[in-house]
Structure formats: C-alpha cells, structure tokens
C-alpha cells in the first residue's frame, strides 16, 4: 500500500482488508501430490503490501511523539496471536489483535516471514494511528540491516524501531552514559541498554535515524518498554484462550 493510498483518518485495516484473498501455497517438490493449505489471510495481505513498499517514501518521525505502539506475538503450534498495544501520553489507549495460522517456518534472519503478517494485521486493527511502532525484533541491527522491525514499519508506513531481547549481530561496545553502542561491520546499528536489570537491544527500523533512536530511548524508553510488556502479556493470554 503506497503512502499516497493511506488515509490517516481511517483504521489501517479498513484500507486493506477488502483487497486481498488467501492464495494457495505452491506444491512442495518433496511431495507434489500432497494437498497444501492456503496462506492465512494476514499472510496474503502482508506479502501483497511488501510489493507496494518499493515506491514508498519515508515518513517523518514527529518531534513530539505522543502515540507509541508496541507489538508482539505468541505461538501455540501453528496458531499465532498478535497484539498491538497503543499508549498515548504514556498511558494505555487501546489494543488491536489478530489470531491466525502460520504457513511458513521460522528461518534465522528471515523472522519477518513468520511473524510479520500477524503483527502488522494487529496494528491495522487499531482505531487510532500510532506515531511510532516498537517491535520485539531487530531493525538495523540485522545481518542485512533490515529486520522485522524495519520491514513491518515500511509495510505500515509508520516509523518503527526494534527492541530485542538478544543480540543478533555485532558487539555491544561501551558508549556514553547508559547507552552502549552496537557495532556491526564498521558502523553503529543501535544501542544496548540495561533497564531494571534487563538488557535490551534497540535499533532503528523504518524512518528512524540513529540520532532519533537515541532521543526515543532517552525520552520515551519507559513507555516503549511498558507497552511492549503489555503486548507480550496480552498476546500470551490471547493464544492461551484461543480455540485450536
């Protein structure tokens, strides 16, 4: 969905849900006669939107960010529950959620193929558009400098960052103050931060520069982490109670 097609006054879901239908998966070479289930509707929508991002222009991160959304997913077998937890001015405002079935396996470095469709669908179900998205994944701190946090931000057309629990590439080197910089292939791709005894790895995703990332951590870090914790809790509860 190109930026010119986005109506900022309508929920993202309303702008996309009627444009996609599930498409059959290709027969495997190993057993071409076996019936293959279709893609989840969220997967079909996600991969269609990825194709549209090639012409998308960057979105400017506001100087004052009041609406921050954290997104996470939980799994039970091939069942996926994703929750987008939106905070405004540091307080919970609303949640968007989606439950589907994953058709693709986890592949290291290609996490967005597994989880991307479901977390983006959860964001689309919000009534209020976020100004910043936080994903439990990597952005620039990735082997190809564009992890799930980057790709999902591009697909949604909303500035994004990654807040990961472990380091995927590079090394955390001592920096200024509480921010250790993550160095990879001769460049700084993010920051490692210790908060309440927990280390998190922050990296810029879509339309968030390294300087802007530092400002987000310093000004809105606690809100990002609180929203992330709420999204994680809600996703775990949702997948636990979902019908199999």
Protein backbone atom coordinates (compact mmCIF):
# COMPACT_ATOMS: atom_id res chain seq x y z
CA UNK A 1 0.00 0.00 0.00
CA UNK A 2 1.80 3.15 -1.16
CA UNK A 3 1.88 6.20 1.10
CA UNK A 4 -0.39 8.05 -1.32
CA UNK A 5 -3.11 5.46 -0.68
CA UNK A 6 -3.06 5.80 3.10
CA UNK A 7 -5.96 7.67 4.66
CA UNK A 8 -4.68 8.72 8.05
CA UNK A 9 -8.21 9.26 9.34
CA UNK A 10 -9.32 5.65 8.82
CA UNK A 11 -8.15 2.49 10.64
CA UNK A 12 -5.46 0.75 8.60
CA UNK A 13 -7.49 -2.47 8.48
CA UNK A 14 -10.37 -0.78 6.68
CA UNK A 15 -8.00 0.29 3.91
CA UNK A 16 -6.58 -3.18 3.26
CA UNK A 17 -8.95 -5.94 4.31
CA UNK A 18 -11.04 -5.92 1.11
CA UNK A 19 -8.08 -6.05 -1.29
CA UNK A 20 -6.70 -9.50 -0.57
CA UNK A 21 -7.87 -13.08 -0.64
CA UNK A 22 -5.97 -16.12 0.52
CA UNK A 23 -3.88 -17.75 -2.21
CA UNK A 24 -2.86 -21.41 -2.46
CA UNK A 25 0.64 -22.42 -1.44
CA UNK A 26 2.85 -23.96 -4.10
CA UNK A 27 3.11 -27.76 -4.04
CA UNK A 28 6.34 -28.93 -2.46
CA UNK A 29 8.95 -30.68 -4.58
CA UNK A 30 9.24 -33.39 -1.94
CA UNK A 31 5.62 -34.48 -2.19
CA UNK A 32 3.87 -32.62 -5.04
CA UNK A 33 0.68 -34.65 -4.70
CA UNK A 34 0.03 -33.69 -1.09
CA UNK A 35 -2.70 -31.10 -0.56
CA UNK A 36 -1.32 -27.83 0.79
CA UNK A 37 -3.39 -25.46 2.88
CA UNK A 38 -3.84 -21.84 1.81
CA UNK A 39 -1.98 -18.88 3.20
CA UNK A 40 -3.54 -17.17 6.18
CA UNK A 41 -5.36 -14.03 5.04
CA UNK A 42 -2.92 -11.91 7.07
CA UNK A 43 0.00 -13.52 5.20
CA UNK A 44 -1.60 -12.82 1.82
CA UNK A 45 -2.20 -9.18 2.75
CA UNK A 46 1.33 -8.79 4.16
CA UNK A 47 3.15 -10.13 1.11
CA UNK A 48 0.98 -8.00 -1.15
CA UNK A 49 1.84 -4.91 0.86
CA UNK A 50 5.55 -5.75 0.78
CA UNK A 51 5.46 -5.47 -3.00
CA UNK A 52 3.96 -1.99 -2.72
CA UNK A 53 6.72 -0.66 -0.45
CA UNK A 54 9.22 -0.24 -3.28
CA UNK A 55 7.77 3.18 -4.13
CA UNK A 56 7.06 4.29 -0.57
CA UNK A 57 8.68 7.48 0.69
CA UNK A 58 9.96 7.82 4.23
CA UNK A 59 7.64 9.15 6.91
CA UNK A 60 8.93 11.84 9.23
CA UNK A 61 9.06 10.97 12.93
CA UNK A 62 7.31 13.77 14.87
CA UNK A 63 9.47 15.87 17.19
CA UNK A 64 6.97 15.13 19.95
CA UNK A 65 5.78 11.52 19.97
CA UNK A 66 2.57 11.03 21.94
CA UNK A 67 1.22 7.77 20.45
CA UNK A 68 3.55 4.79 20.85
CA UNK A 69 2.50 1.28 19.92
CA UNK A 70 4.31 -1.94 20.88
CA UNK A 71 3.53 -5.14 19.02
CA UNK A 72 4.24 -8.75 19.96
CA UNK A 73 3.06 -12.26 19.12
CA UNK A 74 2.69 -15.58 20.93
CA UNK A 75 2.51 -19.09 19.49
CA UNK A 76 0.78 -22.39 20.14
CA UNK A 77 1.63 -24.88 17.42
CA UNK A 78 0.93 -23.08 14.14
CA UNK A 79 -1.55 -20.79 15.89
CA UNK A 80 -0.34 -17.17 16.18
CA UNK A 81 -1.85 -14.45 18.35
CA UNK A 82 -0.58 -10.92 17.81
CA UNK A 83 -1.40 -7.85 19.89
CA UNK A 84 -0.71 -4.17 19.23
CA UNK A 85 -0.76 -2.17 22.47
CA UNK A 86 -1.15 1.56 21.87
CA UNK A 87 -0.18 4.10 24.52
CA UNK A 88 -0.93 7.82 24.36
CA UNK A 89 0.96 10.29 26.55
CA UNK A 90 2.41 7.35 28.48
CA UNK A 91 -0.94 5.68 29.23
CA UNK A 92 -2.75 2.71 27.64
CA UNK A 93 -5.23 3.82 24.99
CA UNK A 94 -6.36 0.72 23.05
CA UNK A 95 -5.35 -2.66 21.69
CA UNK A 96 -5.62 -4.30 18.31
CA UNK A 97 -5.34 -8.08 17.97
CA UNK A 98 -5.32 -10.81 15.38
CA UNK A 99 -5.30 -14.63 15.55
CA UNK A 100 -4.21 -16.69 12.58
CA UNK A 101 -2.24 -19.74 11.49
CA UNK A 102 1.36 -19.55 10.31
CA UNK A 103 2.07 -21.21 6.98
CA UNK A 104 5.81 -20.56 6.95
CA UNK A 105 8.54 -21.85 9.31
CA UNK A 106 11.00 -19.79 11.33
CA UNK A 107 14.22 -19.10 9.42
CA UNK A 108 17.05 -17.23 11.14
CA UNK A 109 17.45 -13.79 9.60
CA UNK A 110 14.04 -14.03 7.92
CA UNK A 111 11.86 -13.75 11.02
CA UNK A 112 9.61 -11.25 9.26
CA UNK A 113 8.28 -14.01 7.00
CA UNK A 114 6.88 -15.84 10.02
CA UNK A 115 5.68 -13.09 12.34
CA UNK A 116 5.40 -10.05 10.09
CA UNK A 117 1.95 -10.80 8.66
CA UNK A 118 0.36 -11.19 12.08
CA UNK A 119 1.88 -8.23 13.91
CA UNK A 120 1.08 -5.87 11.01
CA UNK A 121 -2.50 -7.13 10.96
CA UNK A 122 -2.83 -6.40 14.69
CA UNK A 123 -1.69 -2.79 14.09
CA UNK A 124 -4.21 -2.39 11.26
CA UNK A 125 -6.99 -3.19 13.72
CA UNK A 126 -6.29 -0.14 15.86
CA UNK A 127 -8.78 2.71 15.59
CA UNK A 128 -6.11 5.36 16.25
CA UNK A 129 -2.97 5.57 14.13
CA UNK A 130 0.33 5.26 16.07
CA UNK A 131 3.20 7.68 15.55
CA UNK A 132 5.89 5.14 16.47
CA UNK A 133 5.90 1.34 16.37
CA UNK A 134 8.03 -0.85 18.65
CA UNK A 135 8.63 -4.49 17.72
CA UNK A 136 10.14 -7.35 19.74
CA UNK A 137 12.68 -7.82 16.96
CA UNK A 138 15.60 -6.11 15.24
CA UNK A 139 15.69 -3.24 12.80
CA UNK A 140 19.09 -2.09 11.57
CA UNK A 141 20.93 -4.47 13.95
CA UNK A 142 20.45 -7.28 11.45
CA UNK A 143 22.71 -9.17 9.01
CA UNK A 144 21.11 -7.24 6.12
CA UNK A 145 20.47 -4.08 8.17
CA UNK A 146 16.70 -4.51 7.85
CA UNK A 147 14.97 -6.91 10.21
CA UNK A 148 11.29 -7.39 11.02
CA UNK A 149 11.07 -4.00 12.75
CA UNK A 150 12.19 -2.26 9.56
CA UNK A 151 10.07 -4.26 7.12
CA UNK A 152 6.84 -4.06 9.14
CA UNK A 153 7.30 -0.32 9.61
CA UNK A 154 7.69 0.10 5.85
CA UNK A 155 4.63 -2.05 5.15
CA UNK A 156 2.51 0.02 7.55
CA UNK A 157 4.07 3.35 6.59
CA UNK A 158 4.77 4.22 10.24
CA UNK A 159 8.21 4.99 11.78
CA UNK A 160 9.44 1.96 13.70
CA UNK A 161 12.15 0.61 15.99
CA UNK A 162 13.24 -2.80 17.21
CA UNK A 163 13.64 -3.68 20.89
CA UNK A 164 15.13 -7.17 21.05
CA UNK A 165 16.00 -9.40 23.98
CA UNK A 166 19.17 -10.79 22.39
CA UNK A 167 21.88 -9.60 20.04
CA UNK A 168 21.70 -10.98 16.50
CA UNK A 169 24.82 -9.40 15.00
CA UNK A 170 27.75 -7.24 16.09
CA UNK A 171 29.05 -6.37 19.53
CA UNK A 172 27.87 -4.06 22.28
CA UNK A 173 30.67 -1.59 23.00
CA UNK A 174 30.87 0.79 25.93
CA UNK A 175 29.45 4.16 25.00
CA UNK A 176 28.33 7.37 26.62
CA UNK A 177 26.21 7.24 29.75
CA UNK A 178 23.79 4.31 29.87
CA UNK A 179 23.89 3.63 26.14
CA UNK A 180 26.31 1.03 24.80
CA UNK A 181 26.54 1.21 21.04
CA UNK A 182 26.01 -1.88 18.89
CA UNK A 183 28.80 -2.05 16.30
CA UNK A 184 28.48 -4.19 13.17
CA UNK A 185 30.60 -4.12 10.03
CA UNK A 186 32.20 -0.82 10.91
CA UNK A 187 29.03 1.10 11.75
CA UNK A 188 26.81 1.75 14.74
CA UNK A 189 23.48 0.00 14.22
CA UNK A 190 21.81 0.58 17.57
CA UNK A 191 22.20 0.71 21.33
CA UNK A 192 22.26 -1.78 24.18
CA UNK A 193 20.53 -0.52 27.30
CA UNK A 194 20.16 -2.02 30.77
CA UNK A 195 16.82 -1.29 32.42
CA UNK A 196 15.86 -2.77 35.79
CA UNK A 197 18.50 -5.44 35.39
CA UNK A 198 17.32 -6.43 31.91
CA UNK A 199 19.37 -5.73 28.79
CA UNK A 200 17.54 -4.76 25.63
CA UNK A 201 18.94 -4.13 22.16
CA UNK A 202 17.43 -1.12 20.41
CA UNK A 203 17.81 -0.39 16.71
CA UNK A 204 16.20 1.95 14.26
CA UNK A 205 13.71 0.50 11.83
CA UNK A 206 11.77 2.44 9.22
CA UNK A 207 12.29 6.23 9.12
CA UNK A 208 14.11 6.39 12.48
CA UNK A 209 17.72 7.58 12.35
CA UNK A 210 20.37 6.70 14.93
CA UNK A 211 20.06 10.16 16.48
CA UNK A 212 16.27 9.86 16.63
CA UNK A 213 16.60 6.39 18.17
CA UNK A 214 18.79 7.82 20.94
CA UNK A 215 16.20 10.52 21.61
CA UNK A 216 13.39 7.93 21.70
CA UNK A 217 15.29 5.86 24.26
CA UNK A 218 16.03 8.87 26.45
CA UNK A 219 12.58 10.48 26.25
CA UNK A 220 10.16 7.59 25.70
CA UNK A 221 12.10 4.48 26.66
CA UNK A 222 9.97 3.63 29.69
CA UNK A 223 6.73 3.96 27.71
CA UNK A 224 8.11 1.75 24.92
CA UNK A 225 9.06 -0.96 27.41
CA UNK A 226 5.76 -0.74 29.29
CA UNK A 227 3.80 -1.02 26.06
CA UNK A 228 5.99 -3.94 24.96
CA UNK A 229 5.38 -5.74 28.24
CA UNK A 230 1.63 -5.24 27.88
CA UNK A 231 1.62 -6.51 24.28
CA UNK A 232 3.58 -9.58 25.32
CA UNK A 233 1.23 -10.32 28.22
CA UNK A 234 -1.89 -9.83 26.13
CA UNK A 235 -0.59 -11.98 23.25
CA UNK A 236 0.25 -14.86 25.60
CA UNK A 237 -3.20 -14.69 27.14
CA UNK A 238 -4.88 -14.49 23.75
CA UNK A 239 -3.13 -17.55 22.32
CA UNK A 240 -3.76 -19.47 25.53
CA UNK A 241 -7.52 -18.94 25.36
CA UNK A 242 -7.89 -19.17 21.57
CA UNK A 243 -9.75 -22.13 20.10
CA UNK A 244 -7.42 -24.60 18.42
